[in-house]
Amino acid sequence: MKDRLSKLYLYLVFIFLYAPIIILMIYSFNESKYRVWTGFSLKWYIELFHNRQIMDALYNTIFVAVIASILSTIIGTAAAIGIDGLKKWQKSTVMNVTMLPVLNPDIVTGISLMLLFYIGKLPTGRFTLILAHMSFCIPYVILSVMPKLKQVNAGTYEAALDLGATPALATVKVTLPEIMPGVINGLLMAFTLSIDDFIVSYFTTGPGVENLSILIYNAAKKGVSPSINALSALMFAVILVLLIIINARTNKNAAKA
């Protein structure tokens, strides 16, 4: 009886979480622009790709996500390798500081970055948007890479040094290939977080530069268009695929370990 109640509770939670998304995806195929089902149609998806404003927002979203995730992965991986070489108390201190952006509310991060860019007199736009996204992506990359560094055999790295390799060459040829699964997971996580972000983006973007989350927020004030339903359905599908890839890689690496 207890197991049945637990399963029922779990099913109810999933229904509560995913029913709105499923309804949104269903109505993205509705022929009518109103909330009355009149027939199956793909016209809102066709209209979506002919909407210049949405396409510009999609370009900004992908451009910022790609650049921010790549730079965050490079910086985060280098930082993780550096942190791994610290003493125990130093490593603990740095990791606690690294966790702050993860635990910090997004609105605090967004307002703080907005004030920083204002004080630094940086013109807001794609550049500040990339910097803002990097600020919350880098900690997730570090957290993805650190567990893999703990599995690296230190003797292999030292053997490479004994054979004449420089520390940089040994890191690239020995350490980096062994931690590559964690690096890729960090890259995918950073890309997913960047695409999904709204609050930090809202406070750090500039006039004429909006990503998809800001576009949807602004459109919702006037009434949600079926094209936005189609866009949201596509975004959900992309995020879902990326999360499946991340989980599959994580489970595969855990099985190997």
Protein backbone atom coordinates (compact mmCIF):
# COMPACT_ATOMS: atom_id res chain seq x y z
CA MET A 1 0.00 0.00 0.00
CA LYS A 2 2.84 2.35 0.88
CA ASP A 3 4.58 1.65 -2.43
CA ARG A 4 1.38 2.35 -4.36
CA LEU A 5 0.88 5.66 -2.59
CA SER A 6 4.50 6.61 -3.28
CA LYS A 7 4.11 5.83 -6.97
CA LEU A 8 0.79 7.71 -7.12
CA TYR A 9 2.42 10.74 -5.48
CA LEU A 10 5.30 10.55 -7.97
CA TYR A 11 2.91 10.36 -10.92
CA LEU A 12 0.92 13.34 -9.64
CA VAL A 13 4.10 15.39 -9.30
CA PHE A 14 5.14 14.59 -12.88
CA ILE A 15 1.65 15.42 -14.16
CA PHE A 16 1.70 18.74 -12.30
CA LEU A 17 5.15 19.60 -13.74
CA TYR A 18 4.71 18.47 -17.33
CA ALA A 19 0.97 18.86 -18.06
CA PRO A 20 1.31 22.61 -18.84
CA ILE A 21 4.20 21.92 -21.22
CA ILE A 22 2.30 19.14 -22.98
CA ILE A 23 -0.74 21.41 -23.37
CA LEU A 24 1.48 24.16 -24.79
CA MET A 25 3.02 21.75 -27.30
CA ILE A 26 -0.41 20.46 -28.35
CA TYR A 27 -1.75 23.98 -28.94
CA SER A 28 1.32 24.86 -30.99
CA PHE A 29 -0.23 22.55 -33.63
CA ASN A 30 -3.67 24.15 -33.36
CA GLU A 31 -4.92 25.72 -36.59
CA SER A 32 -6.71 28.49 -34.72
CA LYS A 33 -4.90 31.29 -32.92
CA TYR A 34 -7.44 31.03 -30.09
CA ARG A 35 -7.66 28.44 -27.31
CA VAL A 36 -10.28 26.38 -29.11
CA TRP A 37 -8.99 23.34 -31.01
CA THR A 38 -10.05 23.59 -34.66
CA GLY A 39 -7.65 21.16 -36.32
CA PHE A 40 -4.03 20.09 -36.75
CA SER A 41 -1.73 22.53 -38.54
CA LEU A 42 1.97 23.38 -38.86
CA LYS A 43 1.33 26.96 -39.91
CA TRP A 44 2.55 28.44 -36.62
CA TYR A 45 5.89 26.68 -37.04
CA ILE A 46 6.11 28.02 -40.60
CA GLU A 47 5.17 31.50 -39.43
CA LEU A 48 7.74 31.20 -36.64
CA PHE A 49 10.61 30.87 -39.11
CA HIS A 50 9.32 33.82 -41.14
CA ASN A 51 9.16 36.12 -38.11
CA ARG A 52 12.22 38.39 -38.27
CA GLN A 53 12.01 39.44 -34.62
CA ILE A 54 11.95 35.84 -33.41
CA MET A 55 14.78 34.86 -35.75
CA ASP A 56 16.92 37.75 -34.47
CA ALA A 57 16.24 36.66 -30.89
CA LEU A 58 17.09 33.06 -31.82
CA TYR A 59 20.37 34.21 -33.38
CA ASN A 60 21.26 36.22 -30.26
CA THR A 61 20.40 33.27 -28.03
CA ILE A 62 22.51 30.76 -29.96
CA PHE A 63 25.40 33.19 -30.52
CA VAL A 64 25.63 34.12 -26.84
CA ALA A 65 25.16 30.51 -25.70
CA VAL A 66 27.88 29.15 -28.01
CA ILE A 67 30.47 31.83 -27.20
CA ALA A 68 29.70 31.88 -23.45
CA SER A 69 29.73 28.08 -23.13
CA ILE A 70 33.01 27.68 -25.04
CA LEU A 71 34.81 30.42 -23.08
CA SER A 72 33.32 29.17 -19.80
CA THR A 73 34.51 25.64 -20.56
CA ILE A 74 38.05 26.79 -21.32
CA ILE A 75 38.28 29.02 -18.23
CA GLY A 76 36.43 26.57 -15.99
CA THR A 77 38.61 23.61 -17.03
CA ALA A 78 41.81 25.59 -16.47
CA ALA A 79 40.48 26.76 -13.10
CA ALA A 80 39.54 23.22 -12.07
CA ILE A 81 43.03 21.94 -12.91
CA GLY A 82 44.55 24.80 -10.90
CA ILE A 83 42.22 24.20 -7.94
CA ASP A 84 43.05 20.48 -7.96
CA GLY A 85 46.72 21.34 -7.41
CA LEU A 86 46.06 23.42 -4.28
CA LYS A 87 46.44 22.29 -0.71
CA LYS A 88 43.41 20.80 1.00
CA TRP A 89 42.39 23.93 2.95
CA GLN A 90 43.04 26.17 -0.05
CA LYS A 91 40.98 23.89 -2.29
CA SER A 92 38.13 23.87 0.21
CA THR A 93 38.15 27.68 0.44
CA VAL A 94 38.21 28.22 -3.33
CA MET A 95 35.45 25.66 -3.91
CA ASN A 96 33.25 27.38 -1.34
CA VAL A 97 33.76 30.67 -3.18
CA THR A 98 33.06 28.92 -6.48
CA MET A 99 29.73 27.68 -5.13
CA LEU A 100 28.51 31.21 -4.35
CA PRO A 101 27.28 32.01 -7.90
CA VAL A 102 25.47 28.66 -7.95
CA LEU A 103 23.68 29.30 -4.64
CA ASN A 104 23.19 33.03 -5.18
CA PRO A 105 19.69 34.05 -6.37
CA ASP A 106 19.64 34.94 -10.07
CA ILE A 107 18.11 38.34 -9.42
CA VAL A 108 20.99 39.27 -7.10
CA THR A 109 23.50 38.15 -9.73
CA GLY A 110 21.68 40.07 -12.45
CA ILE A 111 21.46 43.34 -10.51
CA SER A 112 25.08 43.04 -9.34
CA LEU A 113 26.34 42.55 -12.88
CA MET A 114 24.17 45.42 -14.13
CA LEU A 115 25.73 47.74 -11.54
CA LEU A 116 29.21 46.45 -12.40
CA PHE A 117 28.73 47.18 -16.10
CA TYR A 118 27.29 50.61 -15.26
CA ILE A 119 30.23 51.51 -13.00
CA GLY A 120 32.68 50.17 -15.59
CA LYS A 121 30.86 52.21 -18.29
CA LEU A 122 30.49 49.15 -20.51
CA PRO A 123 27.84 49.57 -23.21
CA THR A 124 25.25 46.87 -22.68
CA GLY A 125 24.62 44.44 -25.51
CA ARG A 126 25.89 41.07 -26.71
CA PHE A 127 29.29 41.58 -25.07
CA THR A 128 27.89 42.21 -21.59
CA LEU A 129 25.38 39.41 -22.14
CA ILE A 130 28.24 36.98 -22.87
CA LEU A 131 30.17 38.15 -19.78
CA ALA A 132 27.06 37.75 -17.62
CA HIS A 133 26.38 34.23 -18.88
CA MET A 134 30.01 33.26 -18.33
CA SER A 135 29.74 34.41 -14.70
CA PHE A 136 27.18 31.72 -13.85
CA CYS A 137 28.38 29.06 -16.32
CA ILE A 138 32.00 28.82 -15.14
CA PRO A 139 31.14 27.41 -11.66
CA TYR A 140 29.08 24.62 -13.26
CA VAL A 141 31.99 23.72 -15.55
CA ILE A 142 34.32 23.57 -12.54
CA LEU A 143 31.86 21.35 -10.67
CA SER A 144 31.63 19.05 -13.72
CA VAL A 145 35.40 18.74 -14.18
CA MET A 146 36.51 18.39 -10.54
CA PRO A 147 35.14 14.83 -10.03
CA LYS A 148 37.02 13.64 -13.13
CA LEU A 149 40.26 15.19 -11.85
CA LYS A 150 39.94 13.09 -8.68
CA GLN A 151 39.94 9.96 -10.87
CA VAL A 152 43.11 10.93 -12.74
CA ASN A 153 46.17 8.86 -11.89
CA ALA A 154 48.79 11.36 -10.68
CA GLY A 155 51.55 8.87 -11.52
CA THR A 156 50.81 9.17 -15.26
CA TYR A 157 51.26 12.93 -15.16
CA GLU A 158 54.50 12.61 -13.20
CA ALA A 159 55.76 9.95 -15.60
CA ALA A 160 55.20 12.36 -18.50
CA LEU A 161 57.26 14.98 -16.67
CA ASP A 162 60.06 12.45 -16.04
CA LEU A 163 60.10 11.65 -19.77
CA GLY A 164 60.80 15.30 -20.61
CA ALA A 165 57.34 16.78 -21.14
CA THR A 166 56.71 20.30 -19.88
CA PRO A 167 53.88 20.78 -17.34
CA ALA A 168 51.73 22.40 -20.05
CA LEU A 169 52.37 19.57 -22.52
CA ALA A 170 51.73 16.92 -19.88
CA THR A 171 48.44 18.61 -18.98
CA VAL A 172 47.31 18.73 -22.62
CA LYS A 173 48.49 15.22 -23.57
CA VAL A 174 47.83 13.32 -20.33
CA THR A 175 45.41 15.10 -18.01
CA LEU A 176 43.04 16.67 -20.54
CA PRO A 177 42.14 13.42 -22.38
CA GLU A 178 41.31 11.73 -19.07
CA ILE A 179 39.01 14.52 -17.89
CA MET A 180 37.42 15.10 -21.32
CA PRO A 181 34.05 13.51 -20.35
CA GLY A 182 33.73 16.04 -17.52
CA VAL A 183 34.75 18.87 -19.85
CA ILE A 184 32.08 17.89 -22.39
CA ASN A 185 29.45 17.59 -19.66
CA GLY A 186 30.42 21.05 -18.43
CA LEU A 187 30.16 22.44 -21.97
CA LEU A 188 26.68 20.98 -22.47
CA MET A 189 25.56 22.20 -19.05
CA ALA A 190 26.86 25.72 -19.74
CA PHE A 191 25.12 25.79 -23.13
CA THR A 192 21.84 24.63 -21.58
CA LEU A 193 22.00 27.19 -18.77
CA SER A 194 22.78 30.00 -21.20
CA ILE A 195 19.84 29.19 -23.47
CA ASP A 196 17.49 28.88 -20.49
CA ASP A 197 18.50 32.04 -18.63
CA PHE A 198 16.11 34.98 -18.33
CA ILE A 199 16.69 36.97 -15.14
CA VAL A 200 20.42 37.65 -15.56
CA SER A 201 19.92 38.34 -19.28
CA TYR A 202 17.11 40.79 -18.54
CA PHE A 203 19.36 42.95 -16.36
CA THR A 204 22.51 42.81 -18.50
CA THR A 205 21.31 43.15 -22.09
CA GLY A 206 21.01 46.41 -24.01
CA PRO A 207 18.51 48.10 -26.32
CA GLY A 208 17.80 46.09 -29.47
CA VAL A 209 19.46 42.93 -28.11
CA GLU A 210 17.12 40.32 -26.69
CA ASN A 211 17.31 36.56 -26.42
CA LEU A 212 14.38 34.17 -26.69
CA SER A 213 13.50 34.22 -23.00
CA ILE A 214 13.24 38.03 -23.00
CA LEU A 215 11.26 37.95 -26.25
CA ILE A 216 8.76 35.49 -24.77
CA TYR A 217 8.47 37.55 -21.60
CA ASN A 218 7.72 40.73 -23.56
CA ALA A 219 5.31 38.90 -25.87
CA ALA A 220 3.39 37.45 -22.91
CA LYS A 221 2.40 40.98 -21.82
CA LYS A 222 0.42 41.43 -25.04
CA GLY A 223 -1.02 37.94 -25.18
CA VAL A 224 0.82 34.80 -26.15
CA SER A 225 0.87 34.17 -29.90
CA PRO A 226 0.68 30.58 -31.20
CA SER A 227 4.11 31.23 -32.76
CA ILE A 228 5.45 31.64 -29.22
CA ASN A 229 3.86 28.28 -28.38
CA ALA A 230 5.75 26.74 -31.29
CA LEU A 231 8.96 28.45 -30.21
CA SER A 232 8.55 27.27 -26.62
CA ALA A 233 7.90 23.71 -27.81
CA LEU A 234 11.10 23.74 -29.88
CA MET A 235 13.11 25.19 -26.96
CA PHE A 236 11.76 22.48 -24.65
CA ALA A 237 12.70 19.79 -27.17
CA VAL A 238 16.26 21.15 -27.53
CA ILE A 239 16.78 21.41 -23.76
CA LEU A 240 15.32 17.93 -23.27
CA VAL A 241 17.71 16.43 -25.84
CA LEU A 242 20.71 18.15 -24.22
CA LEU A 243 19.72 16.95 -20.76
CA ILE A 244 19.29 13.39 -22.04
CA ILE A 245 22.79 13.56 -23.56
CA ILE A 246 24.25 14.92 -20.30
CA ASN A 247 22.55 12.23 -18.19
CA ALA A 248 23.55 9.48 -20.61
CA ARG A 249 27.19 10.59 -20.52
CA THR A 250 27.12 10.90 -16.71
CA ASN A 251 25.66 7.39 -16.30
CA LYS A 252 28.17 5.98 -18.79
CA ASN A 253 31.09 7.57 -16.95
CA ALA A 254 29.74 6.36 -13.60
CA ALA A 255 29.48 2.82 -14.96
CA LYS A 256 33.08 2.94 -16.17
CA ALA A 257 34.24 4.20 -12.78
